[in-house]
């Protein structure tokens, strides 16, 4: 299932069902709504066993399907989104993903507030966990395409970052993340990548990345698309507790050598 729908339209329909799903909490399934994507619309149904409500709105249906989701949480997420299209995807592993859409006005006050919060949160997280180089807006509950990076004395706030090309080589990385700070995950990333982004003034920039920096931006852009490193685990036994891995390996072993991509 995959749809694209106007944020305001979806929020309006989800607001209608809130009074119904909140009436009875003793039966967990009744706190959910049924979302069905069919023939150019998303249909939403809810019930408390006494009263039922069906509503819906127009949507671009890329792939038809249906899913039940927590009504209150879905409404809170959609309501907090910027006033753009919302892309909702049901993955094969039964995860529902809401993808952040592009920021239309990078210089807006709301985006600057997100950038400030990313900076402050990253600095606090680095002190707490003794690691980390970047943070993506969804990690602080802001569903917009903004990434903040801080490496040594260099800092970047990237709005609408996009990888436009990758090289022909991949490398293995033992990746970490503030979403699971005590875990390392082995993933495969492109060793080289071309990146475009906008700054907080709306000016466009491009960068050629390789090695750890290329891996980092692939990781952060995955966050913007609702993807975590654990979703990209590679090979046999791809997970390790950080403390156990560090007992057995040198930090330099976090990054493998580049190798031609397997087709």
Protein backbone atom coordinates (compact mmCIF):
# COMPACT_ATOMS: atom_id res chain seq x y z
CA UNK A 1 0.00 0.00 0.00
CA UNK A 2 1.27 3.46 -0.90
CA UNK A 3 -0.60 6.76 -1.11
CA UNK A 4 0.07 10.47 -1.43
CA UNK A 5 -2.53 12.73 0.14
CA UNK A 6 -2.89 16.37 1.14
CA UNK A 7 -1.92 16.79 4.78
CA UNK A 8 -4.89 19.06 5.62
CA UNK A 9 -7.39 16.65 4.02
CA UNK A 10 -6.05 13.65 5.92
CA UNK A 11 -5.86 15.54 9.22
CA UNK A 12 -9.49 16.64 8.85
CA UNK A 13 -10.72 13.07 8.33
CA UNK A 14 -8.62 11.70 11.20
CA UNK A 15 -9.98 14.41 13.52
CA UNK A 16 -13.52 13.18 12.83
CA UNK A 17 -12.83 9.73 14.28
CA UNK A 18 -10.98 10.81 17.42
CA UNK A 19 -14.13 11.02 19.55
CA UNK A 20 -15.10 7.48 18.63
CA UNK A 21 -11.81 5.67 19.13
CA UNK A 22 -11.20 7.30 22.51
CA UNK A 23 -14.51 6.22 24.08
CA UNK A 24 -13.45 2.70 25.07
CA UNK A 25 -9.89 1.78 25.99
CA UNK A 26 -10.52 -1.71 27.43
CA UNK A 27 -10.32 -3.28 23.96
CA UNK A 28 -7.01 -2.18 22.37
CA UNK A 29 -8.05 -2.76 18.76
CA UNK A 30 -10.78 -0.14 19.14
CA UNK A 31 -8.12 2.55 19.48
CA UNK A 32 -7.14 1.89 15.85
CA UNK A 33 -8.57 3.10 12.57
CA UNK A 34 -8.82 1.07 9.39
CA UNK A 35 -7.22 2.87 6.43
CA UNK A 36 -8.03 1.56 2.95
CA UNK A 37 -6.49 2.88 -0.25
CA UNK A 38 -8.83 2.29 -3.17
CA UNK A 39 -9.63 3.96 -6.49
CA UNK A 40 -8.24 7.43 -5.93
CA UNK A 41 -9.13 7.86 -2.27
CA UNK A 42 -8.22 6.83 1.26
CA UNK A 43 -11.14 5.51 3.29
CA UNK A 44 -11.01 5.63 7.09
CA UNK A 45 -13.23 3.59 9.40
CA UNK A 46 -13.54 3.52 13.19
CA UNK A 47 -15.93 2.04 15.73
CA UNK A 48 -16.50 1.76 19.47
CA UNK A 49 -18.96 -1.15 18.90
CA UNK A 50 -21.90 1.20 19.50
CA UNK A 51 -21.15 3.86 16.89
CA UNK A 52 -19.26 3.40 13.61
CA UNK A 53 -17.94 6.10 11.31
CA UNK A 54 -16.64 5.91 7.78
CA UNK A 55 -15.06 8.86 6.02
CA UNK A 56 -12.41 9.54 3.43
CA UNK A 57 -10.72 11.96 1.08
CA UNK A 58 -9.10 12.07 -2.33
CA UNK A 59 -5.59 10.61 -2.59
CA UNK A 60 -3.12 9.53 -5.22
CA UNK A 61 -3.08 5.76 -4.78
CA UNK A 62 0.21 4.32 -5.98
CA UNK A 63 -0.58 0.87 -4.62
CA UNK A 64 -3.90 -0.25 -3.18
CA UNK A 65 -4.08 -1.89 0.25
CA UNK A 66 -5.30 -1.54 3.81
CA UNK A 67 -3.85 -1.27 7.31
CA UNK A 68 -5.01 -0.58 10.86
CA UNK A 69 -3.09 2.13 12.73
CA UNK A 70 -3.27 3.76 16.15
CA UNK A 71 -5.77 6.57 15.55
CA UNK A 72 -4.49 9.08 18.09
CA UNK A 73 -0.82 8.65 17.22
CA UNK A 74 -1.47 8.84 13.48
CA UNK A 75 -3.50 12.03 13.94
CA UNK A 76 -0.78 13.62 16.09
CA UNK A 77 1.89 12.83 13.48
CA UNK A 78 -0.16 14.05 10.52
CA UNK A 79 -1.21 17.23 12.34
CA UNK A 80 2.44 18.08 13.05
CA UNK A 81 3.49 17.73 9.41
CA UNK A 82 4.09 20.78 7.21
CA UNK A 83 1.26 21.68 4.85
CA UNK A 84 2.49 19.56 1.97
CA UNK A 85 1.59 16.16 0.60
CA UNK A 86 1.89 13.21 2.97
CA UNK A 87 3.29 9.96 1.63
CA UNK A 88 2.12 6.91 3.58
CA UNK A 89 3.62 3.52 2.74
CA UNK A 90 2.90 0.07 4.17
CA UNK A 91 6.06 -2.00 3.93
CA UNK A 92 6.21 -5.78 3.45
CA UNK A 93 7.35 -6.16 7.08
CA UNK A 94 4.04 -4.58 8.24
CA UNK A 95 5.71 -1.25 9.13
CA UNK A 96 3.82 1.87 8.13
CA UNK A 97 6.13 4.70 7.10
CA UNK A 98 5.35 8.38 6.67
CA UNK A 99 7.95 10.05 4.51
CA UNK A 100 9.02 13.65 5.13
CA UNK A 101 8.29 15.83 2.13
CA UNK A 102 10.48 18.67 0.88
CA UNK A 103 10.67 21.94 2.81
CA UNK A 104 9.12 24.67 0.65
CA UNK A 105 10.64 27.65 2.51
CA UNK A 106 14.05 26.88 4.09
CA UNK A 107 14.33 30.42 5.50
CA UNK A 108 11.09 30.20 7.50
CA UNK A 109 11.12 30.74 11.25
CA UNK A 110 9.80 27.23 11.89
CA UNK A 111 12.73 25.63 10.04
CA UNK A 112 15.22 27.79 11.95
CA UNK A 113 13.62 26.61 15.19
CA UNK A 114 14.03 23.00 14.05
CA UNK A 115 17.69 23.67 13.19
CA UNK A 116 18.32 25.20 16.63
CA UNK A 117 16.65 22.25 18.37
CA UNK A 118 18.70 19.79 16.29
CA UNK A 119 21.92 21.57 17.29
CA UNK A 120 21.08 21.62 20.99
CA UNK A 121 19.81 18.04 21.02
CA UNK A 122 22.87 16.73 19.18
CA UNK A 123 25.26 18.45 21.56
CA UNK A 124 23.40 17.04 24.58
CA UNK A 125 23.31 13.55 23.04
CA UNK A 126 27.04 13.64 22.26
CA UNK A 127 27.80 14.48 25.89
CA UNK A 128 25.57 11.68 27.13
CA UNK A 129 26.59 8.90 24.75
CA UNK A 130 30.14 9.99 23.83
CA UNK A 131 29.44 9.53 20.13
CA UNK A 132 27.49 10.98 17.22
CA UNK A 133 28.05 13.38 14.35
CA UNK A 134 24.59 14.28 13.10
CA UNK A 135 20.88 14.30 13.78
CA UNK A 136 17.86 14.29 11.48
CA UNK A 137 14.68 16.23 12.19
CA UNK A 138 12.41 13.16 12.57
CA UNK A 139 14.58 12.06 15.52
CA UNK A 140 13.34 15.07 17.50
CA UNK A 141 9.75 14.63 16.33
CA UNK A 142 9.90 17.18 13.50
CA UNK A 143 8.75 15.51 10.26
CA UNK A 144 10.67 17.79 7.87
CA UNK A 145 13.68 17.19 5.63
CA UNK A 146 16.38 18.85 7.73
CA UNK A 147 19.70 17.40 8.93
CA UNK A 148 22.23 18.97 11.28
CA UNK A 149 25.88 17.82 11.17
CA UNK A 150 28.67 18.68 13.57
CA UNK A 151 32.14 17.23 13.04
CA UNK A 152 35.01 18.82 14.98
CA UNK A 153 34.67 22.56 14.30
CA UNK A 154 32.64 22.12 11.11
CA UNK A 155 28.85 22.48 11.14
CA UNK A 156 26.21 22.15 8.44
CA UNK A 157 22.46 22.62 8.51
CA UNK A 158 21.13 20.84 5.43
CA UNK A 159 17.60 21.43 4.19
CA UNK A 160 16.19 19.01 1.60
CA UNK A 161 19.44 17.00 1.31
CA UNK A 162 19.40 14.61 -1.62
CA UNK A 163 21.90 12.08 -2.94
CA UNK A 164 21.95 12.57 -6.68
CA UNK A 165 24.53 9.95 -7.63
CA UNK A 166 26.68 7.21 -6.11
CA UNK A 167 29.96 5.67 -7.19
CA UNK A 168 30.49 2.09 -8.32
CA UNK A 169 31.95 0.88 -5.01
CA UNK A 170 30.33 -0.13 -1.72
CA UNK A 171 31.79 -0.70 1.73
CA UNK A 172 30.69 -2.38 4.93
CA UNK A 173 30.09 -0.17 7.96
CA UNK A 174 29.36 -1.00 11.59
CA UNK A 175 26.78 1.74 11.96
CA UNK A 176 25.45 3.32 15.14
CA UNK A 177 22.54 5.63 15.84
CA UNK A 178 21.04 7.70 18.65
CA UNK A 179 17.84 5.69 18.08
CA UNK A 180 19.67 2.66 19.56
CA UNK A 181 22.90 4.02 21.10
CA UNK A 182 24.05 0.71 22.62
CA UNK A 183 23.81 -1.24 19.36
CA UNK A 184 26.00 -1.50 16.27
CA UNK A 185 24.57 -2.70 12.96
CA UNK A 186 26.58 -3.86 9.95
CA UNK A 187 25.24 -2.22 6.79
CA UNK A 188 26.37 -1.80 3.20
CA UNK A 189 26.73 1.77 1.92
CA UNK A 190 27.97 3.44 -1.24
CA UNK A 191 31.58 4.54 -0.76
CA UNK A 192 31.13 7.72 -2.83
CA UNK A 193 28.09 9.92 -3.24
CA UNK A 194 27.10 13.26 -4.75
CA UNK A 195 24.91 15.43 -2.54
CA UNK A 196 22.77 18.54 -3.03
CA UNK A 197 21.08 20.55 -0.28
CA UNK A 198 19.85 24.03 0.66
CA UNK A 199 21.03 26.16 3.56
CA UNK A 200 18.80 28.18 5.88
CA UNK A 201 18.79 31.06 3.39
CA UNK A 202 17.47 28.81 0.65
CA UNK A 203 20.77 28.81 -1.28
CA UNK A 204 21.63 25.56 -3.08
CA UNK A 205 24.91 23.70 -2.52
CA UNK A 206 26.53 20.49 -3.73
CA UNK A 207 29.16 18.23 -2.18
CA UNK A 208 31.18 15.23 -3.29
CA UNK A 209 31.43 12.74 -0.43
CA UNK A 210 33.41 9.60 0.23
CA UNK A 211 34.04 7.15 3.06
CA UNK A 212 32.60 8.03 6.48
CA UNK A 213 31.01 11.29 5.30
CA UNK A 214 29.23 9.52 2.43
CA UNK A 215 28.00 6.87 4.86
CA UNK A 216 26.82 9.50 7.33
CA UNK A 217 24.66 11.36 4.81
CA UNK A 218 23.14 8.11 3.54
CA UNK A 219 22.26 7.26 7.15
CA UNK A 220 20.67 10.66 7.85
CA UNK A 221 18.69 10.79 4.60
CA UNK A 222 17.37 7.33 5.45
CA UNK A 223 15.94 8.87 8.63
CA UNK A 224 14.09 11.43 6.51
CA UNK A 225 12.56 8.53 4.56
CA UNK A 226 11.55 6.62 7.70
CA UNK A 227 14.34 4.04 7.37
CA UNK A 228 16.64 2.98 10.21
CA UNK A 229 20.02 1.26 10.01
CA UNK A 230 18.44 -1.92 11.42
CA UNK A 231 16.29 -2.02 8.27
CA UNK A 232 19.47 -2.27 6.20
CA UNK A 233 21.30 -4.92 8.26
CA UNK A 234 23.70 -6.79 5.98
CA UNK A 235 25.08 -10.34 6.09
CA UNK A 236 25.04 -12.98 8.79
CA UNK A 237 25.04 -11.89 12.44
CA UNK A 238 24.84 -8.15 11.62
CA UNK A 239 24.09 -6.91 15.16
CA UNK A 240 26.42 -6.37 18.10
CA UNK A 241 26.25 -4.66 21.46
CA UNK A 242 28.58 -1.69 21.38
CA UNK A 243 30.48 -2.74 24.54
CA UNK A 244 31.09 -6.27 23.23
CA UNK A 245 32.15 -5.08 19.76
CA UNK A 246 34.61 -2.57 21.24
CA UNK A 247 36.25 -5.30 23.32
CA UNK A 248 37.05 -7.31 20.20
CA UNK A 249 37.74 -4.65 17.55
CA UNK A 250 39.78 -1.54 16.93
CA UNK A 251 37.73 1.60 16.10
CA UNK A 252 39.30 1.65 12.63
CA UNK A 253 37.47 -1.61 11.87
CA UNK A 254 34.14 0.21 11.86
CA UNK A 255 34.72 0.91 8.13
CA UNK A 256 35.66 -1.78 5.62
CA UNK A 257 37.57 -1.18 2.37
CA UNK A 258 35.69 -0.12 -0.75
CA UNK A 259 34.83 -2.92 -3.14
CA UNK A 260 33.10 -3.05 -6.54
CA UNK A 261 29.34 -3.18 -6.11
CA UNK A 262 27.82 -6.62 -6.49
CA UNK A 263 25.11 -6.66 -9.11
